[in-house]
């Protein structure tokens, strides 16, 4: 049992992380995973929980929170009729297969390799968020056949390797294929459930050496519980802020933040 001097800083940092992630999710409509994974990593590292499997704990715990937040989100969007259920049903199996493949790879990699992957993919996501244009199109309808398998499988695969839900890659993909942004956001919430459920089941079977206290498999239970509680409180604050101000410049500022976080992760990988 860890002592109180270890638990209190951990709890305080997790409360702050959850509050920030909730506000950002409500304000900008982005998933919390891209914030949570690096935040977990730096928090656990600062408290002395390192080791070759630390990133697995960060990915698994982030994905566990995504199960809850994505279910809530997709139900809320469904009440407004915004979820494209045909896309979810058609793309769900290939996304789930990609998520399982992502877990199988992530479970075998060292933490430093997963840091590098997160840094590279985070940099790509941040650059697209900063410079992508709403009128860019790859096609007028969602693709089928082999391309659907590649895109859907890749979406699930890379999302698990980053510990994120369906929004970061799914929303740009669907808007590039001419799906209206509000429907893309609503449907991507469903992608988050499809990605997170099978991967978290896998992560729960892992054995992690030197894990933070109260970790089940690779999922840290205090982090999971606190993040869920705080995002339920603070996400509505972010929504209110979004209606009170223009979120576009804030989204660009957040893109810069993500780019800096990704670069810092890559800096650590390089040992600088």
C-alpha atoms as a PDB file:
ATOM      1  CA  UNK A   1       0.000   0.000   0.000  1.00  0.00           C
ATOM      2  CA  UNK A   2       1.591   3.343  -1.017  1.00  0.00           C
ATOM      3  CA  UNK A   3       1.835   6.005   1.656  1.00  0.00           C
ATOM      4  CA  UNK A   4      -0.210   9.194   1.765  1.00  0.00           C
ATOM      5  CA  UNK A   5       2.731  11.344   0.638  1.00  0.00           C
ATOM      6  CA  UNK A   6       2.676   9.446  -2.661  1.00  0.00           C
ATOM      7  CA  UNK A   7      -1.096   9.313  -3.114  1.00  0.00           C
ATOM      8  CA  UNK A   8      -1.925  12.968  -2.430  1.00  0.00           C
ATOM      9  CA  UNK A   9       0.267  14.455  -5.199  1.00  0.00           C
ATOM     10  CA  UNK A  10      -1.041  11.788  -7.591  1.00  0.00           C
ATOM     11  CA  UNK A  11      -4.666  12.588  -6.760  1.00  0.00           C
ATOM     12  CA  UNK A  12      -4.099  16.351  -7.016  1.00  0.00           C
ATOM     13  CA  UNK A  13      -2.434  16.076 -10.417  1.00  0.00           C
ATOM     14  CA  UNK A  14      -5.146  13.750 -11.724  1.00  0.00           C
ATOM     15  CA  UNK A  15      -7.874  16.171 -10.636  1.00  0.00           C
ATOM     16  CA  UNK A  16      -6.137  19.000 -12.516  1.00  0.00           C
ATOM     17  CA  UNK A  17      -5.652  16.819 -15.609  1.00  0.00           C
ATOM     18  CA  UNK A  18      -9.299  15.730 -15.622  1.00  0.00           C
ATOM     19  CA  UNK A  19     -10.543  19.300 -15.240  1.00  0.00           C
ATOM     20  CA  UNK A  20      -8.393  20.521 -18.140  1.00  0.00           C
ATOM     21  CA  UNK A  21      -9.318  17.600 -20.404  1.00  0.00           C
ATOM     22  CA  UNK A  22     -13.021  18.153 -19.769  1.00  0.00           C
ATOM     23  CA  UNK A  23     -12.903  21.867 -20.546  1.00  0.00           C
ATOM     24  CA  UNK A  24     -10.927  21.247 -23.747  1.00  0.00           C
ATOM     25  CA  UNK A  25     -13.334  18.511 -24.857  1.00  0.00           C
ATOM     26  CA  UNK A  26     -16.352  20.761 -24.346  1.00  0.00           C
ATOM     27  CA  UNK A  27     -14.715  23.863 -25.798  1.00  0.00           C
ATOM     28  CA  UNK A  28     -13.115  22.421 -28.910  1.00  0.00           C
ATOM     29  CA  UNK A  29     -14.907  19.126 -29.443  1.00  0.00           C
ATOM     30  CA  UNK A  30     -11.676  17.134 -29.375  1.00  0.00           C
ATOM     31  CA  UNK A  31     -11.195  13.859 -27.558  1.00  0.00           C
ATOM     32  CA  UNK A  32      -9.459  13.911 -24.196  1.00  0.00           C
ATOM     33  CA  UNK A  33      -7.038  11.110 -25.060  1.00  0.00           C
ATOM     34  CA  UNK A  34      -4.616  13.336 -26.888  1.00  0.00           C
ATOM     35  CA  UNK A  35      -4.330  15.364 -23.663  1.00  0.00           C
ATOM     36  CA  UNK A  36      -4.589  12.497 -21.187  1.00  0.00           C
ATOM     37  CA  UNK A  37      -1.835  10.231 -22.517  1.00  0.00           C
ATOM     38  CA  UNK A  38       1.037  12.747 -22.246  1.00  0.00           C
ATOM     39  CA  UNK A  39      -0.416  14.124 -19.003  1.00  0.00           C
ATOM     40  CA  UNK A  40      -0.502  10.645 -17.464  1.00  0.00           C
ATOM     41  CA  UNK A  41       3.010   9.963 -18.717  1.00  0.00           C
ATOM     42  CA  UNK A  42       4.526  13.100 -17.201  1.00  0.00           C
ATOM     43  CA  UNK A  43       2.554  12.698 -13.958  1.00  0.00           C
ATOM     44  CA  UNK A  44       3.497   9.079 -13.365  1.00  0.00           C
ATOM     45  CA  UNK A  45       7.107   9.734 -14.411  1.00  0.00           C
ATOM     46  CA  UNK A  46       7.412  12.708 -12.054  1.00  0.00           C
ATOM     47  CA  UNK A  47       6.157  10.557  -9.174  1.00  0.00           C
ATOM     48  CA  UNK A  48       8.768   7.894  -9.891  1.00  0.00           C
ATOM     49  CA  UNK A  49       6.739   5.334 -11.840  1.00  0.00           C
ATOM     50  CA  UNK A  50       8.824   4.769 -14.945  1.00  0.00           C
ATOM     51  CA  UNK A  51       9.854   1.543 -16.533  1.00  0.00           C
ATOM     52  CA  UNK A  52       9.584  -0.118 -19.889  1.00  0.00           C
ATOM     53  CA  UNK A  53       5.760  -0.385 -19.801  1.00  0.00           C
ATOM     54  CA  UNK A  54       4.678   3.013 -18.514  1.00  0.00           C
ATOM     55  CA  UNK A  55       3.185   4.079 -21.841  1.00  0.00           C
ATOM     56  CA  UNK A  56       0.979   0.974 -21.852  1.00  0.00           C
ATOM     57  CA  UNK A  57      -0.541   2.179 -18.571  1.00  0.00           C
ATOM     58  CA  UNK A  58      -1.106   5.638 -20.059  1.00  0.00           C
ATOM     59  CA  UNK A  59      -2.702   4.278 -23.246  1.00  0.00           C
ATOM     60  CA  UNK A  60      -4.899   1.751 -21.434  1.00  0.00           C
ATOM     61  CA  UNK A  61      -6.145   4.217 -18.816  1.00  0.00           C
ATOM     62  CA  UNK A  62      -6.936   6.833 -21.452  1.00  0.00           C
ATOM     63  CA  UNK A  63      -8.830   4.284 -23.548  1.00  0.00           C
ATOM     64  CA  UNK A  64     -10.786   3.120 -20.479  1.00  0.00           C
ATOM     65  CA  UNK A  65     -12.032   6.681 -19.908  1.00  0.00           C
ATOM     66  CA  UNK A  66     -12.968   6.887 -23.584  1.00  0.00           C
ATOM     67  CA  UNK A  67     -15.424   4.002 -23.199  1.00  0.00           C
ATOM     68  CA  UNK A  68     -17.478   6.048 -20.734  1.00  0.00           C
ATOM     69  CA  UNK A  69     -17.147   9.452 -22.391  1.00  0.00           C
ATOM     70  CA  UNK A  70     -17.811   8.113 -25.899  1.00  0.00           C
ATOM     71  CA  UNK A  71     -20.952   6.234 -24.838  1.00  0.00           C
ATOM     72  CA  UNK A  72     -22.300   9.394 -23.195  1.00  0.00           C
ATOM     73  CA  UNK A  73     -21.383  11.444 -26.253  1.00  0.00           C
ATOM     74  CA  UNK A  74     -22.896   9.139 -28.865  1.00  0.00           C
ATOM     75  CA  UNK A  75     -26.146   8.856 -26.893  1.00  0.00           C
ATOM     76  CA  UNK A  76     -26.368  12.647 -26.624  1.00  0.00           C
ATOM     77  CA  UNK A  77     -25.688  13.078 -30.347  1.00  0.00           C
ATOM     78  CA  UNK A  78     -28.179  10.342 -31.194  1.00  0.00           C
ATOM     79  CA  UNK A  79     -30.937  12.239 -29.392  1.00  0.00           C
ATOM     80  CA  UNK A  80     -30.317  15.010 -31.925  1.00  0.00           C
ATOM     81  CA  UNK A  81     -30.333  12.563 -34.834  1.00  0.00           C
ATOM     82  CA  UNK A  82     -26.732  13.313 -35.786  1.00  0.00           C
ATOM     83  CA  UNK A  83     -25.188   9.808 -35.661  1.00  0.00           C
ATOM     84  CA  UNK A  84     -24.694   8.055 -38.996  1.00  0.00           C
ATOM     85  CA  UNK A  85     -25.517   4.520 -37.869  1.00  0.00           C
ATOM     86  CA  UNK A  86     -24.966   3.083 -41.338  1.00  0.00           C
ATOM     87  CA  UNK A  87     -21.335   4.224 -41.219  1.00  0.00           C
ATOM     88  CA  UNK A  88     -20.898   2.834 -37.699  1.00  0.00           C
ATOM     89  CA  UNK A  89     -22.307  -0.553 -38.691  1.00  0.00           C
ATOM     90  CA  UNK A  90     -20.368  -0.737 -41.931  1.00  0.00           C
ATOM     91  CA  UNK A  91     -17.053   0.489 -40.572  1.00  0.00           C
ATOM     92  CA  UNK A  92     -17.286  -0.970 -37.059  1.00  0.00           C
ATOM     93  CA  UNK A  93     -15.821  -4.425 -37.809  1.00  0.00           C
ATOM     94  CA  UNK A  94     -12.735  -3.116 -39.631  1.00  0.00           C
ATOM     95  CA  UNK A  95     -12.134  -0.442 -36.981  1.00  0.00           C
ATOM     96  CA  UNK A  96     -12.449  -3.058 -34.214  1.00  0.00           C
ATOM     97  CA  UNK A  97     -10.047  -5.365 -36.054  1.00  0.00           C
ATOM     98  CA  UNK A  98      -7.553  -2.518 -36.345  1.00  0.00           C
ATOM     99  CA  UNK A  99      -7.957  -1.767 -32.625  1.00  0.00           C
ATOM    100  CA  UNK A 100      -7.201  -5.385 -31.707  1.00  0.00           C
ATOM    101  CA  UNK A 101      -4.122  -5.316 -33.928  1.00  0.00           C
ATOM    102  CA  UNK A 102      -3.084  -2.046 -32.277  1.00  0.00           C
ATOM    103  CA  UNK A 103      -3.342  -3.605 -28.824  1.00  0.00           C
ATOM    104  CA  UNK A 104      -1.374  -6.686 -29.876  1.00  0.00           C
ATOM    105  CA  UNK A 105       1.453  -4.489 -31.114  1.00  0.00           C
ATOM    106  CA  UNK A 106       1.292  -2.013 -28.211  1.00  0.00           C
ATOM    107  CA  UNK A 107       1.478  -4.823 -25.660  1.00  0.00           C
ATOM    108  CA  UNK A 108       4.817  -5.934 -27.119  1.00  0.00           C
ATOM    109  CA  UNK A 109       6.531  -2.570 -27.529  1.00  0.00           C
ATOM    110  CA  UNK A 110       8.739  -0.762 -25.051  1.00  0.00           C
ATOM    111  CA  UNK A 111       7.517   2.485 -23.555  1.00  0.00           C
ATOM    112  CA  UNK A 112      10.095   4.526 -25.461  1.00  0.00           C
ATOM    113  CA  UNK A 113       8.875   3.125 -28.789  1.00  0.00           C
ATOM    114  CA  UNK A 114       5.281   4.026 -27.946  1.00  0.00           C
ATOM    115  CA  UNK A 115       6.471   7.499 -26.961  1.00  0.00           C
ATOM    116  CA  UNK A 116       8.011   7.906 -30.400  1.00  0.00           C
ATOM    117  CA  UNK A 117       4.824   6.710 -32.101  1.00  0.00           C
ATOM    118  CA  UNK A 118       2.710   9.090 -30.028  1.00  0.00           C
ATOM    119  CA  UNK A 119       5.054  11.971 -30.802  1.00  0.00           C
ATOM    120  CA  UNK A 120       5.005  11.386 -34.566  1.00  0.00           C
ATOM    121  CA  UNK A 121       1.245  10.842 -34.826  1.00  0.00           C
ATOM    122  CA  UNK A 122       0.540  13.712 -32.424  1.00  0.00           C
ATOM    123  CA  UNK A 123       2.651  15.990 -34.590  1.00  0.00           C
ATOM    124  CA  UNK A 124       0.652  14.964 -37.676  1.00  0.00           C
ATOM    125  CA  UNK A 125      -2.666  15.534 -35.847  1.00  0.00           C
ATOM    126  CA  UNK A 126      -1.556  18.926 -34.538  1.00  0.00           C
ATOM    127  CA  UNK A 127      -0.384  20.112 -37.960  1.00  0.00           C
ATOM    128  CA  UNK A 128      -3.669  19.060 -39.557  1.00  0.00           C
ATOM    129  CA  UNK A 129      -5.620  20.803 -36.808  1.00  0.00           C
ATOM    130  CA  UNK A 130      -3.588  23.963 -37.362  1.00  0.00           C
ATOM    131  CA  UNK A 131      -3.457  24.065 -41.165  1.00  0.00           C
ATOM    132  CA  UNK A 132      -6.238  21.762 -42.456  1.00  0.00           C
ATOM    133  CA  UNK A 133      -9.036  23.443 -44.385  1.00  0.00           C
ATOM    134  CA  UNK A 134     -12.733  22.717 -44.145  1.00  0.00           C
ATOM    135  CA  UNK A 135     -13.138  22.588 -47.938  1.00  0.00           C
ATOM    136  CA  UNK A 136     -10.558  19.826 -48.523  1.00  0.00           C
ATOM    137  CA  UNK A 137     -12.137  16.711 -50.053  1.00  0.00           C
ATOM    138  CA  UNK A 138     -10.932  13.257 -51.097  1.00  0.00           C
ATOM    139  CA  UNK A 139     -14.345  12.141 -52.354  1.00  0.00           C
ATOM    140  CA  UNK A 140     -18.051  12.853 -52.195  1.00  0.00           C
ATOM    141  CA  UNK A 141     -19.054   9.700 -50.283  1.00  0.00           C
ATOM    142  CA  UNK A 142     -17.402   7.370 -47.785  1.00  0.00           C
ATOM    143  CA  UNK A 143     -15.312   4.745 -49.608  1.00  0.00           C
ATOM    144  CA  UNK A 144     -15.982   1.022 -49.682  1.00  0.00           C
ATOM    145  CA  UNK A 145     -14.061  -2.125 -50.519  1.00  0.00           C
ATOM    146  CA  UNK A 146     -10.343  -2.359 -49.878  1.00  0.00           C
ATOM    147  CA  UNK A 147      -9.959   1.349 -49.176  1.00  0.00           C
ATOM    148  CA  UNK A 148     -12.550   1.122 -46.390  1.00  0.00           C
ATOM    149  CA  UNK A 149     -10.576  -1.737 -44.880  1.00  0.00           C
ATOM    150  CA  UNK A 150      -7.315   0.191 -45.038  1.00  0.00           C
ATOM    151  CA  UNK A 151      -8.735   3.442 -43.662  1.00  0.00           C
ATOM    152  CA  UNK A 152     -10.938   1.823 -41.001  1.00  0.00           C
ATOM    153  CA  UNK A 153      -8.285  -0.635 -39.889  1.00  0.00           C
ATOM    154  CA  UNK A 154      -5.678   2.113 -39.811  1.00  0.00           C
ATOM    155  CA  UNK A 155      -8.005   4.331 -37.786  1.00  0.00           C
ATOM    156  CA  UNK A 156      -8.444   1.665 -35.099  1.00  0.00           C
ATOM    157  CA  UNK A 157      -4.801   0.607 -35.178  1.00  0.00           C
ATOM    158  CA  UNK A 158      -3.198   4.038 -34.815  1.00  0.00           C
ATOM    159  CA  UNK A 159      -5.813   5.290 -32.341  1.00  0.00           C
ATOM    160  CA  UNK A 160      -4.910   2.480 -29.920  1.00  0.00           C
ATOM    161  CA  UNK A 161      -1.196   3.173 -30.356  1.00  0.00           C
ATOM    162  CA  UNK A 162      -1.935   6.761 -29.267  1.00  0.00           C
ATOM    163  CA  UNK A 163      -4.537   5.897 -26.606  1.00  0.00           C
ATOM    164  CA  UNK A 164      -7.182   8.077 -28.250  1.00  0.00           C
ATOM    165  CA  UNK A 165     -10.769   7.654 -29.413  1.00  0.00           C
ATOM    166  CA  UNK A 166     -12.272   8.135 -32.844  1.00  0.00           C
ATOM    167  CA  UNK A 167     -12.280  11.903 -33.124  1.00  0.00           C
ATOM    168  CA  UNK A 168      -8.676  12.841 -33.835  1.00  0.00           C
ATOM    169  CA  UNK A 169      -8.440  10.746 -37.004  1.00  0.00           C
ATOM    170  CA  UNK A 170     -12.091   9.871 -37.632  1.00  0.00           C
ATOM    171  CA  UNK A 171     -13.504  13.399 -37.909  1.00  0.00           C
ATOM    172  CA  UNK A 172     -10.950  14.586 -40.507  1.00  0.00           C
ATOM    173  CA  UNK A 173     -11.378  11.358 -42.474  1.00  0.00           C
ATOM    174  CA  UNK A 174     -15.164  11.670 -42.635  1.00  0.00           C
ATOM    175  CA  UNK A 175     -15.143  15.371 -43.481  1.00  0.00           C
ATOM    176  CA  UNK A 176     -12.616  14.684 -46.255  1.00  0.00           C
ATOM    177  CA  UNK A 177     -15.287  12.360 -47.668  1.00  0.00           C
ATOM    178  CA  UNK A 178     -17.920  15.086 -47.540  1.00  0.00           C
ATOM    179  CA  UNK A 179     -19.719  14.191 -44.308  1.00  0.00           C
ATOM    180  CA  UNK A 180     -20.945  17.363 -42.531  1.00  0.00           C
ATOM    181  CA  UNK A 181     -18.805  18.221 -39.510  1.00  0.00           C
ATOM    182  CA  UNK A 182     -21.562  17.826 -36.896  1.00  0.00           C
ATOM    183  CA  UNK A 183     -22.392  14.350 -38.210  1.00  0.00           C
ATOM    184  CA  UNK A 184     -18.700  13.443 -38.371  1.00  0.00           C
ATOM    185  CA  UNK A 185     -18.207  14.451 -34.729  1.00  0.00           C
ATOM    186  CA  UNK A 186     -21.301  12.496 -33.635  1.00  0.00           C
ATOM    187  CA  UNK A 187     -20.321   9.376 -35.568  1.00  0.00           C
ATOM    188  CA  UNK A 188     -16.708   9.546 -34.403  1.00  0.00           C
ATOM    189  CA  UNK A 189     -17.974   9.245 -30.828  1.00  0.00           C
ATOM    190  CA  UNK A 190     -19.263   5.822 -31.842  1.00  0.00           C
ATOM    191  CA  UNK A 191     -15.859   5.012 -33.334  1.00  0.00           C
ATOM    192  CA  UNK A 192     -14.403   5.748 -29.885  1.00  0.00           C
ATOM    193  CA  UNK A 193     -16.467   2.986 -28.271  1.00  0.00           C
ATOM    194  CA  UNK A 194     -15.537   0.505 -31.009  1.00  0.00           C
ATOM    195  CA  UNK A 195     -11.839   1.335 -30.591  1.00  0.00           C
ATOM    196  CA  UNK A 196     -11.726   1.411 -26.806  1.00  0.00           C
ATOM    197  CA  UNK A 197     -13.751  -1.654 -25.750  1.00  0.00           C
ATOM    198  CA  UNK A 198     -11.697  -4.443 -27.380  1.00  0.00           C
ATOM    199  CA  UNK A 199      -8.368  -2.751 -26.682  1.00  0.00           C
ATOM    200  CA  UNK A 200      -9.148  -2.159 -22.988  1.00  0.00           C
ATOM    201  CA  UNK A 201     -10.223  -5.792 -22.596  1.00  0.00           C
ATOM    202  CA  UNK A 202      -6.800  -6.726 -23.936  1.00  0.00           C
ATOM    203  CA  UNK A 203      -4.945  -4.249 -21.729  1.00  0.00           C
ATOM    204  CA  UNK A 204      -6.710  -5.611 -18.630  1.00  0.00           C
ATOM    205  CA  UNK A 205      -5.003  -8.958 -19.234  1.00  0.00           C
ATOM    206  CA  UNK A 206      -1.500  -7.471 -19.182  1.00  0.00           C
ATOM    207  CA  UNK A 207       0.941  -7.737 -16.295  1.00  0.00           C
ATOM    208  CA  UNK A 208       2.784  -4.446 -15.721  1.00  0.00           C
ATOM    209  CA  UNK A 209       6.003  -4.316 -13.734  1.00  0.00           C
ATOM    210  CA  UNK A 210       6.458  -1.225 -11.536  1.00  0.00           C
ATOM    211  CA  UNK A 211       2.966   0.104 -12.264  1.00  0.00           C
ATOM    212  CA  UNK A 212       1.474   3.064 -10.360  1.00  0.00           C
ATOM    213  CA  UNK A 213      -0.625   2.082  -7.308  1.00  0.00           C
ATOM    214  CA  UNK A 214      -4.020   0.439  -7.830  1.00  0.00           C
ATOM    215  CA  UNK A 215      -3.406  -0.568 -11.449  1.00  0.00           C
ATOM    216  CA  UNK A 216      -5.530  -3.443 -12.780  1.00  0.00           C
ATOM    217  CA  UNK A 217      -3.808  -4.989 -15.778  1.00  0.00           C
ATOM    218  CA  UNK A 218      -2.580  -1.830 -17.492  1.00  0.00           C
ATOM    219  CA  UNK A 219      -5.515   0.383 -16.358  1.00  0.00           C
ATOM    220  CA  UNK A 220      -4.829   2.691 -13.425  1.00  0.00           C
ATOM    221  CA  UNK A 221      -8.092   2.733 -11.460  1.00  0.00           C
ATOM    222  CA  UNK A 222      -7.656   6.044  -9.540  1.00  0.00           C
ATOM    223  CA  UNK A 223      -6.793   7.856 -12.779  1.00  0.00           C
ATOM    224  CA  UNK A 224      -9.783   6.305 -14.532  1.00  0.00           C
ATOM    225  CA  UNK A 225     -12.239   7.225 -11.751  1.00  0.00           C
ATOM    226  CA  UNK A 226     -10.960  10.765 -11.213  1.00  0.00           C
ATOM    227  CA  UNK A 227     -10.807  11.614 -14.917  1.00  0.00           C
ATOM    228  CA  UNK A 228     -14.385  10.406 -15.467  1.00  0.00           C
ATOM    229  CA  UNK A 229     -15.649  12.403 -12.478  1.00  0.00           C
ATOM    230  CA  UNK A 230     -13.811  15.596 -13.419  1.00  0.00           C
ATOM    231  CA  UNK A 231     -14.727  15.524 -17.111  1.00  0.00           C
ATOM    232  CA  UNK A 232     -18.405  15.108 -16.198  1.00  0.00           C
ATOM    233  CA  UNK A 233     -18.094  18.296 -14.142  1.00  0.00           C
ATOM    234  CA  UNK A 234     -15.961  20.422 -16.458  1.00  0.00           C
ATOM    235  CA  UNK A 235     -17.058  19.431 -19.986  1.00  0.00           C
ATOM    236  CA  UNK A 236     -20.270  21.510 -19.661  1.00  0.00           C
ATOM    237  CA  UNK A 237     -18.081  24.481 -18.690  1.00  0.00           C
ATOM    238  CA  UNK A 238     -16.188  24.080 -21.936  1.00  0.00           C
ATOM    239  CA  UNK A 239     -19.443  23.879 -23.887  1.00  0.00           C
ATOM    240  CA  UNK A 240     -20.623  27.149 -22.316  1.00  0.00           C
ATOM    241  CA  UNK A 241     -17.315  28.809 -23.190  1.00  0.00           C
ATOM    242  CA  UNK A 242     -17.625  27.576 -26.775  1.00  0.00           C
ATOM    243  CA  UNK A 243     -20.990  29.334 -27.090  1.00  0.00           C
ATOM    244  CA  UNK A 244     -19.629  32.506 -25.496  1.00  0.00           C
ATOM    245  CA  UNK A 245     -16.572  32.993 -27.736  1.00  0.00           C
ATOM    246  CA  UNK A 246     -15.122  32.170 -31.127  1.00  0.00           C
ATOM    247  CA  UNK A 247     -13.436  28.762 -30.737  1.00  0.00           C
ATOM    248  CA  UNK A 248     -11.415  28.983 -33.991  1.00  0.00           C
ATOM    249  CA  UNK A 249      -8.405  30.882 -32.585  1.00  0.00           C
ATOM    250  CA  UNK A 250      -8.527  28.695 -29.486  1.00  0.00           C
ATOM    251  CA  UNK A 251      -8.456  25.608 -31.703  1.00  0.00           C
ATOM    252  CA  UNK A 252      -5.336  26.908 -33.412  1.00  0.00           C
ATOM    253  CA  UNK A 253      -3.762  27.609 -30.032  1.00  0.00           C
ATOM    254  CA  UNK A 254      -4.623  24.065 -28.935  1.00  0.00           C
ATOM    255  CA  UNK A 255      -3.059  22.738 -32.158  1.00  0.00           C
ATOM    256  CA  UNK A 256       0.153  24.547 -31.240  1.00  0.00           C
ATOM    257  CA  UNK A 257      -0.066  23.025 -27.757  1.00  0.00           C
ATOM    258  CA  UNK A 258      -0.431  19.510 -29.217  1.00  0.00           C
ATOM    259  CA  UNK A 259       2.507  20.103 -31.572  1.00  0.00           C
ATOM    260  CA  UNK A 260       4.673  21.238 -28.650  1.00  0.00           C
ATOM    261  CA  UNK A 261       3.620  18.237 -26.541  1.00  0.00           C
ATOM    262  CA  UNK A 262       4.437  15.888 -29.427  1.00  0.00           C
ATOM    263  CA  UNK A 263       7.812  17.530 -30.007  1.00  0.00           C
ATOM    264  CA  UNK A 264       8.618  17.315 -26.297  1.00  0.00           C
ATOM    265  CA  UNK A 265       7.760  13.606 -26.342  1.00  0.00           C
ATOM    266  CA  UNK A 266      10.102  13.132 -29.300  1.00  0.00           C
ATOM    267  CA  UNK A 267      12.771  15.156 -27.489  1.00  0.00           C
ATOM    268  CA  UNK A 268      12.606  12.756 -24.562  1.00  0.00           C
ATOM    269  CA  UNK A 269      12.843   9.794 -26.927  1.00  0.00           C
ATOM    270  CA  UNK A 270      15.971  11.300 -28.433  1.00  0.00           C
ATOM    271  CA  UNK A 271      17.433  11.780 -24.950  1.00  0.00           C
ATOM    272  CA  UNK A 272      17.842  15.553 -25.258  1.00  0.00           C
END
